[in-house]
Amino acid sequence: MSENIITLTEATFDEVVNGNAAPVVVDFWAEWCGPCKMIAPILDEIATEQGDAVVITKLNVDENPSIAQRFGVMSIPTILVFRDGELDKKIVGAKGKSQMVEEMGL
């Protein structure tokens, strides 16, 4: 995983999501999820291109089930975009880079 992507846990989730002025993108994923692996390089590219304008994060749903449950994540990959600590967008399923950037509102 890229150094541009932050790994979240139940302990760090609220601090990272609420503590950033930039939009925070949370990728809910699991090791066994094929589509999750397909979008990982896309998220890495977005993180590199956007720099400090956006914070790209990943949260493993198998290791952090309470966060997934809190936001009603029923299938993965699911991407949530937070602005000012508030949920702004929910994207379910693998998408191409241009569609993902557009749906994230970046």
PDB file of N, CA and C in Angstrom:
ATOM      1  N   MET A   1       0.844  -1.178   0.000  1.00  0.00           N
ATOM      2  CA  MET A   1       0.000   0.000   0.000  1.00  0.00           C
ATOM      3  C   MET A   1       0.889   1.240   0.000  1.00  0.00           C
ATOM      4  N   SER A   2       0.403   2.272  -0.589  1.00  0.00           N
ATOM      5  CA  SER A   2       1.133   3.520  -0.748  1.00  0.00           C
ATOM      6  C   SER A   2       1.307   4.257   0.569  1.00  0.00           C
ATOM      7  N   GLU A   3       2.392   5.027   0.641  1.00  0.00           N
ATOM      8  CA  GLU A   3       2.585   5.882   1.815  1.00  0.00           C
ATOM      9  C   GLU A   3       1.609   7.053   1.805  1.00  0.00           C
ATOM     10  N   ASN A   4       0.894   7.245   0.683  1.00  0.00           N
ATOM     11  CA  ASN A   4      -0.095   8.315   0.575  1.00  0.00           C
ATOM     12  C   ASN A   4      -1.459   7.923   1.133  1.00  0.00           C
ATOM     13  N   ILE A   5      -1.604   6.652   1.529  1.00  0.00           N
ATOM     14  CA  ILE A   5      -2.889   6.155   2.017  1.00  0.00           C
ATOM     15  C   ILE A   5      -2.758   5.789   3.493  1.00  0.00           C
ATOM     16  N   ILE A   6      -3.691   6.270   4.299  1.00  0.00           N
ATOM     17  CA  ILE A   6      -3.685   6.031   5.741  1.00  0.00           C
ATOM     18  C   ILE A   6      -4.552   4.817   6.049  1.00  0.00           C
ATOM     19  N   THR A   7      -4.030   3.896   6.859  1.00  0.00           N
ATOM     20  CA  THR A   7      -4.812   2.754   7.314  1.00  0.00           C
ATOM     21  C   THR A   7      -5.543   3.146   8.591  1.00  0.00           C
ATOM     22  N   LEU A   8      -6.858   3.025   8.556  1.00  0.00           N
ATOM     23  CA  LEU A   8      -7.680   3.371   9.716  1.00  0.00           C
ATOM     24  C   LEU A   8      -8.014   2.133  10.535  1.00  0.00           C
ATOM     25  N   THR A   9      -8.263   2.362  11.816  1.00  0.00           N
ATOM     26  CA  THR A   9      -8.755   1.325  12.725  1.00  0.00           C
ATOM     27  C   THR A   9      -9.912   1.927  13.515  1.00  0.00           C
ATOM     28  N   GLU A  10     -10.560   1.098  14.328  1.00  0.00           N
ATOM     29  CA  GLU A  10     -11.625   1.618  15.171  1.00  0.00           C
ATOM     30  C   GLU A  10     -11.093   2.711  16.101  1.00  0.00           C
ATOM     31  N   ALA A  11      -9.822   2.602  16.498  1.00  0.00           N
ATOM     32  CA  ALA A  11      -9.227   3.565  17.422  1.00  0.00           C
ATOM     33  C   ALA A  11      -8.894   4.903  16.759  1.00  0.00           C
ATOM     34  N   THR A  12      -8.609   4.881  15.449  1.00  0.00           N
ATOM     35  CA  THR A  12      -8.162   6.114  14.777  1.00  0.00           C
ATOM     36  C   THR A  12      -9.216   6.732  13.870  1.00  0.00           C
ATOM     37  N   PHE A  13     -10.292   6.029  13.593  1.00  0.00           N
ATOM     38  CA  PHE A  13     -11.278   6.470  12.606  1.00  0.00           C
ATOM     39  C   PHE A  13     -11.803   7.883  12.872  1.00  0.00           C
ATOM     40  N   ASP A  14     -12.391   8.095  14.047  1.00  0.00           N
ATOM     41  CA  ASP A  14     -13.024   9.387  14.340  1.00  0.00           C
ATOM     42  C   ASP A  14     -12.018  10.537  14.328  1.00  0.00           C
ATOM     43  N   GLU A  15     -10.832  10.283  14.849  1.00  0.00           N
ATOM     44  CA  GLU A  15      -9.805  11.329  14.885  1.00  0.00           C
ATOM     45  C   GLU A  15      -9.413  11.770  13.476  1.00  0.00           C
ATOM     46  N   VAL A  16      -9.209  10.817  12.585  1.00  0.00           N
ATOM     47  CA  VAL A  16      -8.799  11.151  11.218  1.00  0.00           C
ATOM     48  C   VAL A  16      -9.948  11.808  10.452  1.00  0.00           C
ATOM     49  N   VAL A  17     -11.140  11.229  10.542  1.00  0.00           N
ATOM     50  CA  VAL A  17     -12.285  11.761   9.785  1.00  0.00           C
ATOM     51  C   VAL A  17     -12.678  13.161  10.277  1.00  0.00           C
ATOM     52  N   ASN A  18     -12.695  13.348  11.573  1.00  0.00           N
ATOM     53  CA  ASN A  18     -13.121  14.635  12.128  1.00  0.00           C
ATOM     54  C   ASN A  18     -11.999  15.664  12.208  1.00  0.00           C
ATOM     55  N   GLY A  19     -10.759  15.212  12.101  1.00  0.00           N
ATOM     56  CA  GLY A  19      -9.634  16.106  12.323  1.00  0.00           C
ATOM     57  C   GLY A  19      -8.984  16.656  11.071  1.00  0.00           C
ATOM     58  N   ASN A  20      -9.637  16.549   9.937  1.00  0.00           N
ATOM     59  CA  ASN A  20      -9.050  17.018   8.684  1.00  0.00           C
ATOM     60  C   ASN A  20      -9.923  18.078   8.029  1.00  0.00           C
ATOM     61  N   ALA A  21      -9.281  19.136   7.568  1.00  0.00           N
ATOM     62  CA  ALA A  21      -9.993  20.177   6.823  1.00  0.00           C
ATOM     63  C   ALA A  21     -10.300  19.688   5.411  1.00  0.00           C
ATOM     64  N   ALA A  22      -9.417  18.852   4.872  1.00  0.00           N
ATOM     65  CA  ALA A  22      -9.605  18.301   3.517  1.00  0.00           C
ATOM     66  C   ALA A  22     -10.640  17.183   3.570  1.00  0.00           C
ATOM     67  N   PRO A  23     -11.293  16.899   2.439  1.00  0.00           N
ATOM     68  CA  PRO A  23     -12.207  15.748   2.394  1.00  0.00           C
ATOM     69  C   PRO A  23     -11.452  14.458   2.742  1.00  0.00           C
ATOM     70  N   VAL A  24     -12.113  13.563   3.450  1.00  0.00           N
ATOM     71  CA  VAL A  24     -11.521  12.279   3.822  1.00  0.00           C
ATOM     72  C   VAL A  24     -12.294  11.181   3.097  1.00  0.00           C
ATOM     73  N   VAL A  25     -11.571  10.394   2.300  1.00  0.00           N
ATOM     74  CA  VAL A  25     -12.143   9.276   1.551  1.00  0.00           C
ATOM     75  C   VAL A  25     -11.796   7.998   2.307  1.00  0.00           C
ATOM     76  N   VAL A  26     -12.813   7.222   2.679  1.00  0.00           N
ATOM     77  CA  VAL A  26     -12.598   5.971   3.402  1.00  0.00           C
ATOM     78  C   VAL A  26     -13.012   4.810   2.500  1.00  0.00           C
ATOM     79  N   ASP A  27     -12.037   3.962   2.199  1.00  0.00           N
ATOM     80  CA  ASP A  27     -12.277   2.756   1.397  1.00  0.00           C
ATOM     81  C   ASP A  27     -12.498   1.593   2.359  1.00  0.00           C
ATOM     82  N   PHE A  28     -13.737   1.074   2.416  1.00  0.00           N
ATOM     83  CA  PHE A  28     -14.049  -0.102   3.220  1.00  0.00           C
ATOM     84  C   PHE A  28     -13.727  -1.324   2.364  1.00  0.00           C
ATOM     85  N   TRP A  29     -12.809  -2.161   2.826  1.00  0.00           N
ATOM     86  CA  TRP A  29     -12.304  -3.268   2.019  1.00  0.00           C
ATOM     87  C   TRP A  29     -12.012  -4.486   2.897  1.00  0.00           C
ATOM     88  N   ALA A  30     -11.659  -5.597   2.242  1.00  0.00           N
ATOM     89  CA  ALA A  30     -11.198  -6.808   2.926  1.00  0.00           C
ATOM     90  C   ALA A  30     -10.179  -7.501   2.032  1.00  0.00           C
ATOM     91  N   GLU A  31      -9.303  -8.256   2.654  1.00  0.00           N
ATOM     92  CA  GLU A  31      -8.216  -8.949   1.948  1.00  0.00           C
ATOM     93  C   GLU A  31      -8.756  -9.898   0.873  1.00  0.00           C
ATOM     94  N   TRP A  32      -9.887 -10.532   1.124  1.00  0.00           N
ATOM     95  CA  TRP A  32     -10.447 -11.543   0.223  1.00  0.00           C
ATOM     96  C   TRP A  32     -11.281 -10.950  -0.916  1.00  0.00           C
ATOM     97  N   CYS A  33     -11.432  -9.637  -0.948  1.00  0.00           N
ATOM     98  CA  CYS A  33     -12.329  -8.974  -1.904  1.00  0.00           C
ATOM     99  C   CYS A  33     -11.602  -8.621  -3.204  1.00  0.00           C
ATOM    100  N   GLY A  34     -11.940  -9.320  -4.287  1.00  0.00           N
ATOM    101  CA  GLY A  34     -11.318  -9.068  -5.589  1.00  0.00           C
ATOM    102  C   GLY A  34     -11.518  -7.649  -6.100  1.00  0.00           C
ATOM    103  N   PRO A  35     -12.754  -7.137  -6.138  1.00  0.00           N
ATOM    104  CA  PRO A  35     -12.966  -5.765  -6.602  1.00  0.00           C
ATOM    105  C   PRO A  35     -12.220  -4.729  -5.745  1.00  0.00           C
ATOM    106  N   CYS A  36     -12.048  -5.024  -4.454  1.00  0.00           N
ATOM    107  CA  CYS A  36     -11.291  -4.107  -3.581  1.00  0.00           C
ATOM    108  C   CYS A  36      -9.843  -4.005  -4.066  1.00  0.00           C
ATOM    109  N   LYS A  37      -9.295  -5.144  -4.451  1.00  0.00           N
ATOM    110  CA  LYS A  37      -7.913  -5.156  -4.953  1.00  0.00           C
ATOM    111  C   LYS A  37      -7.812  -4.427  -6.289  1.00  0.00           C
ATOM    112  N   MET A  38      -8.892  -4.462  -7.075  1.00  0.00           N
ATOM    113  CA  MET A  38      -8.892  -3.771  -8.372  1.00  0.00           C
ATOM    114  C   MET A  38      -8.852  -2.254  -8.203  1.00  0.00           C
ATOM    115  N   ILE A  39      -9.532  -1.715  -7.188  1.00  0.00           N
ATOM    116  CA  ILE A  39      -9.568  -0.263  -7.039  1.00  0.00           C
ATOM    117  C   ILE A  39      -8.404   0.289  -6.217  1.00  0.00           C
ATOM    118  N   ALA A  40      -7.651  -0.581  -5.552  1.00  0.00           N
ATOM    119  CA  ALA A  40      -6.534  -0.117  -4.712  1.00  0.00           C
ATOM    120  C   ALA A  40      -5.537   0.745  -5.489  1.00  0.00           C
ATOM    121  N   PRO A  41      -5.086   0.320  -6.700  1.00  0.00           N
ATOM    122  CA  PRO A  41      -4.140   1.177  -7.425  1.00  0.00           C
ATOM    123  C   PRO A  41      -4.769   2.498  -7.881  1.00  0.00           C
ATOM    124  N   ILE A  42      -6.075   2.498  -8.124  1.00  0.00           N
ATOM    125  CA  ILE A  42      -6.767   3.730  -8.523  1.00  0.00           C
ATOM    126  C   ILE A  42      -6.755   4.724  -7.361  1.00  0.00           C
ATOM    127  N   LEU A  43      -7.056   4.226  -6.164  1.00  0.00           N
ATOM    128  CA  LEU A  43      -7.035   5.086  -4.984  1.00  0.00           C
ATOM    129  C   LEU A  43      -5.628   5.617  -4.725  1.00  0.00           C
ATOM    130  N   ASP A  44      -4.630   4.781  -4.973  1.00  0.00           N
ATOM    131  CA  ASP A  44      -3.242   5.205  -4.810  1.00  0.00           C
ATOM    132  C   ASP A  44      -2.918   6.349  -5.778  1.00  0.00           C
ATOM    133  N   GLU A  45      -3.364   6.212  -7.027  1.00  0.00           N
ATOM    134  CA  GLU A  45      -3.151   7.275  -8.021  1.00  0.00           C
ATOM    135  C   GLU A  45      -3.833   8.567  -7.590  1.00  0.00           C
ATOM    136  N   ILE A  46      -5.066   8.464  -7.135  1.00  0.00           N
ATOM    137  CA  ILE A  46      -5.809   9.648  -6.698  1.00  0.00           C
ATOM    138  C   ILE A  46      -5.087  10.308  -5.523  1.00  0.00           C
ATOM    139  N   ALA A  47      -4.620   9.507  -4.571  1.00  0.00           N
ATOM    140  CA  ALA A  47      -3.906  10.036  -3.405  1.00  0.00           C
ATOM    141  C   ALA A  47      -2.649  10.778  -3.843  1.00  0.00           C
ATOM    142  N   THR A  48      -1.921  10.225  -4.805  1.00  0.00           N
ATOM    143  CA  THR A  48      -0.690  10.849  -5.295  1.00  0.00           C
ATOM    144  C   THR A  48      -1.002  12.141  -6.041  1.00  0.00           C
ATOM    145  N   GLU A  49      -2.016  12.103  -6.900  1.00  0.00           N
ATOM    146  CA  GLU A  49      -2.355  13.278  -7.720  1.00  0.00           C
ATOM    147  C   GLU A  49      -2.975  14.406  -6.901  1.00  0.00           C
ATOM    148  N   GLN A  50      -3.797  14.071  -5.921  1.00  0.00           N
ATOM    149  CA  GLN A  50      -4.517  15.084  -5.158  1.00  0.00           C
ATOM    150  C   GLN A  50      -3.671  15.700  -4.044  1.00  0.00           C
ATOM    151  N   GLY A  51      -2.648  14.970  -3.586  1.00  0.00           N
ATOM    152  CA  GLY A  51      -1.788  15.489  -2.524  1.00  0.00           C
ATOM    153  C   GLY A  51      -2.574  15.816  -1.269  1.00  0.00           C
ATOM    154  N   ASP A  52      -2.349  17.018  -0.730  1.00  0.00           N
ATOM    155  CA  ASP A  52      -2.998  17.428   0.522  1.00  0.00           C
ATOM    156  C   ASP A  52      -4.448  17.866   0.337  1.00  0.00           C
ATOM    157  N   ALA A  53      -4.933  17.896  -0.900  1.00  0.00           N
ATOM    158  CA  ALA A  53      -6.309  18.340  -1.161  1.00  0.00           C
ATOM    159  C   ALA A  53      -7.340  17.315  -0.696  1.00  0.00           C
ATOM    160  N   VAL A  54      -6.897  16.080  -0.496  1.00  0.00           N
ATOM    161  CA  VAL A  54      -7.798  15.014  -0.051  1.00  0.00           C
ATOM    162  C   VAL A  54      -6.990  14.014   0.777  1.00  0.00           C
ATOM    163  N   VAL A  55      -7.657  13.376   1.731  1.00  0.00           N
ATOM    164  CA  VAL A  55      -7.025  12.349   2.550  1.00  0.00           C
ATOM    165  C   VAL A  55      -7.656  11.019   2.164  1.00  0.00           C
ATOM    166  N   ILE A  56      -6.843  10.112   1.615  1.00  0.00           N
ATOM    167  CA  ILE A  56      -7.334   8.791   1.199  1.00  0.00           C
ATOM    168  C   ILE A  56      -6.979   7.800   2.308  1.00  0.00           C
ATOM    169  N   THR A  57      -7.989   7.038   2.755  1.00  0.00           N
ATOM    170  CA  THR A  57      -7.782   6.076   3.832  1.00  0.00           C
ATOM    171  C   THR A  57      -8.401   4.734   3.458  1.00  0.00           C
ATOM    172  N   LYS A  58      -7.984   3.692   4.184  1.00  0.00           N
ATOM    173  CA  LYS A  58      -8.554   2.361   4.006  1.00  0.00           C
ATOM    174  C   LYS A  58      -8.921   1.810   5.372  1.00  0.00           C
ATOM    175  N   LEU A  59     -10.050   1.098   5.420  1.00  0.00           N
ATOM    176  CA  LEU A  59     -10.483   0.461   6.650  1.00  0.00           C
ATOM    177  C   LEU A  59     -10.857  -0.980   6.343  1.00  0.00           C
ATOM    178  N   ASN A  60     -10.148  -1.917   6.951  1.00  0.00           N
ATOM    179  CA  ASN A  60     -10.419  -3.340   6.750  1.00  0.00           C
ATOM    180  C   ASN A  60     -11.667  -3.718   7.557  1.00  0.00           C
ATOM    181  N   VAL A  61     -12.729  -4.135   6.866  1.00  0.00           N
ATOM    182  CA  VAL A  61     -14.004  -4.426   7.533  1.00  0.00           C
ATOM    183  C   VAL A  61     -13.935  -5.681   8.399  1.00  0.00           C
ATOM    184  N   ASP A  62     -13.045  -6.612   8.072  1.00  0.00           N
ATOM    185  CA  ASP A  62     -12.910  -7.818   8.894  1.00  0.00           C
ATOM    186  C   ASP A  62     -12.262  -7.500  10.234  1.00  0.00           C
ATOM    187  N   GLU A  63     -11.339  -6.544  10.242  1.00  0.00           N
ATOM    188  CA  GLU A  63     -10.629  -6.167  11.463  1.00  0.00           C
ATOM    189  C   GLU A  63     -11.355  -5.080  12.258  1.00  0.00           C
ATOM    190  N   ASN A  64     -12.269  -4.346  11.604  1.00  0.00           N
ATOM    191  CA  ASN A  64     -12.963  -3.217  12.233  1.00  0.00           C
ATOM    192  C   ASN A  64     -14.462  -3.247  11.933  1.00  0.00           C
ATOM    193  N   PRO A  65     -15.148  -4.314  12.316  1.00  0.00           N
ATOM    194  CA  PRO A  65     -16.552  -4.469  11.918  1.00  0.00           C
ATOM    195  C   PRO A  65     -17.488  -3.410  12.497  1.00  0.00           C
ATOM    196  N   SER A  66     -17.178  -2.854  13.644  1.00  0.00           N
ATOM    197  CA  SER A  66     -18.123  -1.905  14.250  1.00  0.00           C
ATOM    198  C   SER A  66     -18.229  -0.616  13.441  1.00  0.00           C
ATOM    199  N   ILE A  67     -17.143  -0.201  12.785  1.00  0.00           N
ATOM    200  CA  ILE A  67     -17.191   1.010  11.956  1.00  0.00           C
ATOM    201  C   ILE A  67     -18.035   0.739  10.714  1.00  0.00           C
ATOM    202  N   ALA A  68     -17.826  -0.421  10.088  1.00  0.00           N
ATOM    203  CA  ALA A  68     -18.629  -0.781   8.918  1.00  0.00           C
ATOM    204  C   ALA A  68     -20.113  -0.835   9.292  1.00  0.00           C
ATOM    205  N   GLN A  69     -20.404  -1.403  10.426  1.00  0.00           N
ATOM    206  CA  GLN A  69     -21.791  -1.512  10.893  1.00  0.00           C
ATOM    207  C   GLN A  69     -22.362  -0.119  11.184  1.00  0.00           C
ATOM    208  N   ARG A  70     -21.579   0.741  11.776  1.00  0.00           N
ATOM    209  CA  ARG A  70     -22.015   2.098  12.127  1.00  0.00           C
ATOM    210  C   ARG A  70     -22.498   2.881  10.908  1.00  0.00           C
ATOM    211  N   PHE A  71     -21.850   2.639   9.752  1.00  0.00           N
ATOM    212  CA  PHE A  71     -22.204   3.369   8.535  1.00  0.00           C
ATOM    213  C   PHE A  71     -23.019   2.537   7.552  1.00  0.00           C
ATOM    214  N   GLY A  72     -23.495   1.382   7.986  1.00  0.00           N
ATOM    215  CA  GLY A  72     -24.368   0.559   7.152  1.00  0.00           C
ATOM    216  C   GLY A  72     -23.686  -0.006   5.918  1.00  0.00           C
ATOM    217  N   VAL A  73     -22.391  -0.296   6.023  1.00  0.00           N
ATOM    218  CA  VAL A  73     -21.667  -0.871   4.889  1.00  0.00           C
ATOM    219  C   VAL A  73     -22.035  -2.348   4.802  1.00  0.00           C
ATOM    220  N   MET A  74     -22.771  -2.678   3.729  1.00  0.00           N
ATOM    221  CA  MET A  74     -23.271  -4.038   3.561  1.00  0.00           C
ATOM    222  C   MET A  74     -22.490  -4.830   2.517  1.00  0.00           C
ATOM    223  N   SER A  75     -21.842  -4.126   1.600  1.00  0.00           N
ATOM    224  CA  SER A  75     -21.029  -4.801   0.588  1.00  0.00           C
ATOM    225  C   SER A  75     -19.769  -3.974   0.362  1.00  0.00           C
ATOM    226  N   ILE A  76     -18.752  -4.662  -0.105  1.00  0.00           N
ATOM    227  CA  ILE A  76     -17.481  -3.974  -0.355  1.00  0.00           C
ATOM    228  C   ILE A  76     -17.042  -4.252  -1.787  1.00  0.00           C
ATOM    229  N   PRO A  77     -16.297  -3.349  -2.380  1.00  0.00           N
ATOM    230  CA  PRO A  77     -15.830  -2.104  -1.787  1.00  0.00           C
ATOM    231  C   PRO A  77     -16.949  -1.069  -1.670  1.00  0.00           C
ATOM    232  N   THR A  78     -16.909  -0.347  -0.562  1.00  0.00           N
ATOM    233  CA  THR A  78     -17.742   0.833  -0.367  1.00  0.00           C
ATOM    234  C   THR A  78     -16.803   1.974  -0.016  1.00  0.00           C
ATOM    235  N   ILE A  79     -17.007   3.107  -0.651  1.00  0.00           N
ATOM    236  CA  ILE A  79     -16.198   4.289  -0.379  1.00  0.00           C
ATOM    237  C   ILE A  79     -17.112   5.367   0.182  1.00  0.00           C
ATOM    238  N   LEU A  80     -16.733   5.884   1.346  1.00  0.00           N
ATOM    239  CA  LEU A  80     -17.455   6.989   1.959  1.00  0.00           C
ATOM    240  C   LEU A  80     -16.578   8.229   1.889  1.00  0.00           C
ATOM    241  N   VAL A  81     -17.181   9.350   1.546  1.00  0.00           N
ATOM    242  CA  VAL A  81     -16.464  10.619   1.491  1.00  0.00           C
ATOM    243  C   VAL A  81     -17.031  11.514   2.592  1.00  0.00           C
ATOM    244  N   PHE A  82     -16.148  11.967   3.472  1.00  0.00           N
ATOM    245  CA  PHE A  82     -16.528  12.849   4.569  1.00  0.00           C
ATOM    246  C   PHE A  82     -15.978  14.244   4.307  1.00  0.00           C
ATOM    247  N   ARG A  83     -16.808  15.243   4.539  1.00  0.00           N
ATOM    248  CA  ARG A  83     -16.379  16.646   4.470  1.00  0.00           C
ATOM    249  C   ARG A  83     -16.731  17.287   5.804  1.00  0.00           C
ATOM    250  N   ASP A  84     -15.737  17.886   6.438  1.00  0.00           N
ATOM    251  CA  ASP A  84     -15.925  18.504   7.763  1.00  0.00           C
ATOM    252  C   ASP A  84     -16.509  17.511   8.767  1.00  0.00           C
ATOM    253  N   GLY A  85     -16.071  16.256   8.683  1.00  0.00           N
ATOM    254  CA  GLY A  85     -16.512  15.229   9.614  1.00  0.00           C
ATOM    255  C   GLY A  85     -17.882  14.646   9.339  1.00  0.00           C
ATOM    256  N   GLU A  86     -18.577  15.159   8.324  1.00  0.00           N
ATOM    257  CA  GLU A  86     -19.924  14.686   7.989  1.00  0.00           C
ATOM    258  C   GLU A  86     -19.890  13.820   6.734  1.00  0.00           C
ATOM    259  N   LEU A  87     -20.667  12.745   6.732  1.00  0.00           N
ATOM    260  CA  LEU A  87     -20.762  11.887   5.556  1.00  0.00           C
ATOM    261  C   LEU A  87     -21.380  12.675   4.407  1.00  0.00           C
ATOM    262  N   ASP A  88     -20.663  12.735   3.282  1.00  0.00           N
ATOM    263  CA  ASP A  88     -21.118  13.511   2.126  1.00  0.00           C
ATOM    264  C   ASP A  88     -21.545  12.611   0.968  1.00  0.00           C
ATOM    265  N   LYS A  89     -20.791  11.547   0.722  1.00  0.00           N
ATOM    266  CA  LYS A  89     -21.090  10.667  -0.417  1.00  0.00           C
ATOM    267  C   LYS A  89     -20.821   9.215  -0.043  1.00  0.00           C
ATOM    268  N   LYS A  90     -21.583   8.321  -0.689  1.00  0.00           N
ATOM    269  CA  LYS A  90     -21.387   6.877  -0.524  1.00  0.00           C
ATOM    270  C   LYS A  90     -21.335   6.258  -1.911  1.00  0.00           C
ATOM    271  N   ILE A  91     -20.247   5.564  -2.188  1.00  0.00           N
ATOM    272  CA  ILE A  91     -20.046   4.929  -3.493  1.00  0.00           C
ATOM    273  C   ILE A  91     -19.874   3.431  -3.241  1.00  0.00           C
ATOM    274  N   VAL A  92     -20.729   2.622  -3.851  1.00  0.00           N
ATOM    275  CA  VAL A  92     -20.675   1.175  -3.645  1.00  0.00           C
ATOM    276  C   VAL A  92     -20.235   0.503  -4.936  1.00  0.00           C
ATOM    277  N   GLY A  93     -19.253  -0.388  -4.818  1.00  0.00           N
ATOM    278  CA  GLY A  93     -18.776  -1.154  -5.961  1.00  0.00           C
ATOM    279  C   GLY A  93     -17.553  -0.539  -6.612  1.00  0.00           C
ATOM    280  N   ALA A  94     -16.885  -1.358  -7.405  1.00  0.00           N
ATOM    281  CA  ALA A  94     -15.683  -0.917  -8.112  1.00  0.00           C
ATOM    282  C   ALA A  94     -16.070  -0.047  -9.296  1.00  0.00           C
ATOM    283  N   LYS A  95     -15.309   1.015  -9.494  1.00  0.00           N
ATOM    284  CA  LYS A  95     -15.534   1.937 -10.610  1.00  0.00           C
ATOM    285  C   LYS A  95     -14.185   2.246 -11.252  1.00  0.00           C
ATOM    286  N   GLY A  96     -14.242   2.812 -12.440  1.00  0.00           N
ATOM    287  CA  GLY A  96     -13.031   3.292 -13.090  1.00  0.00           C
ATOM    288  C   GLY A  96     -12.588   4.591 -12.433  1.00  0.00           C
ATOM    289  N   LYS A  97     -11.366   4.990 -12.704  1.00  0.00           N
ATOM    290  CA  LYS A  97     -10.803   6.166 -12.048  1.00  0.00           C
ATOM    291  C   LYS A  97     -11.608   7.439 -12.302  1.00  0.00           C
ATOM    292  N   SER A  98     -11.926   7.734 -13.554  1.00  0.00           N
ATOM    293  CA  SER A  98     -12.627   8.990 -13.849  1.00  0.00           C
ATOM    294  C   SER A  98     -14.000   9.016 -13.179  1.00  0.00           C
ATOM    295  N   GLN A  99     -14.710   7.892 -13.214  1.00  0.00           N
ATOM    296  CA  GLN A  99     -16.034   7.834 -12.583  1.00  0.00           C
ATOM    297  C   GLN A  99     -15.900   7.974 -11.062  1.00  0.00           C
ATOM    298  N   MET A 100     -14.870   7.361 -10.497  1.00  0.00           N
ATOM    299  CA  MET A 100     -14.670   7.430  -9.055  1.00  0.00           C
ATOM    300  C   MET A 100     -14.372   8.871  -8.617  1.00  0.00           C
ATOM    301  N   VAL A 101     -13.484   9.536  -9.334  1.00  0.00           N
ATOM    302  CA  VAL A 101     -13.134  10.929  -9.005  1.00  0.00           C
ATOM    303  C   VAL A 101     -14.373  11.818  -9.115  1.00  0.00           C
ATOM    304  N   GLU A 102     -15.166  11.598 -10.155  1.00  0.00           N
ATOM    305  CA  GLU A 102     -16.380  12.394 -10.357  1.00  0.00           C
ATOM    306  C   GLU A 102     -17.376  12.152  -9.216  1.00  0.00           C
ATOM    307  N   GLU A 103     -17.601  10.877  -8.869  1.00  0.00           N
ATOM    308  CA  GLU A 103     -18.569  10.558  -7.828  1.00  0.00           C
ATOM    309  C   GLU A 103     -18.094  11.040  -6.445  1.00  0.00           C
ATOM    310  N   MET A 104     -16.774  11.075  -6.244  1.00  0.00           N
ATOM    311  CA  MET A 104     -16.230  11.573  -4.975  1.00  0.00           C
ATOM    312  C   MET A 104     -16.364  13.092  -4.872  1.00  0.00           C
ATOM    313  N   GLY A 105     -16.543  13.747  -6.008  1.00  0.00           N
ATOM    314  CA  GLY A 105     -16.640  15.198  -6.019  1.00  0.00           C
ATOM    315  C   GLY A 105     -15.300  15.877  -5.835  1.00  0.00           C
ATOM    316  N   LEU A 106     -14.247  15.243  -6.351  1.00  0.00           N
ATOM    317  CA  LEU A 106     -12.896  15.808  -6.194  1.00  0.00           C
ATOM    318  C   LEU A 106     -12.511  16.679  -7.374  1.00  0.00           C
TER     319      LEU A 106
END
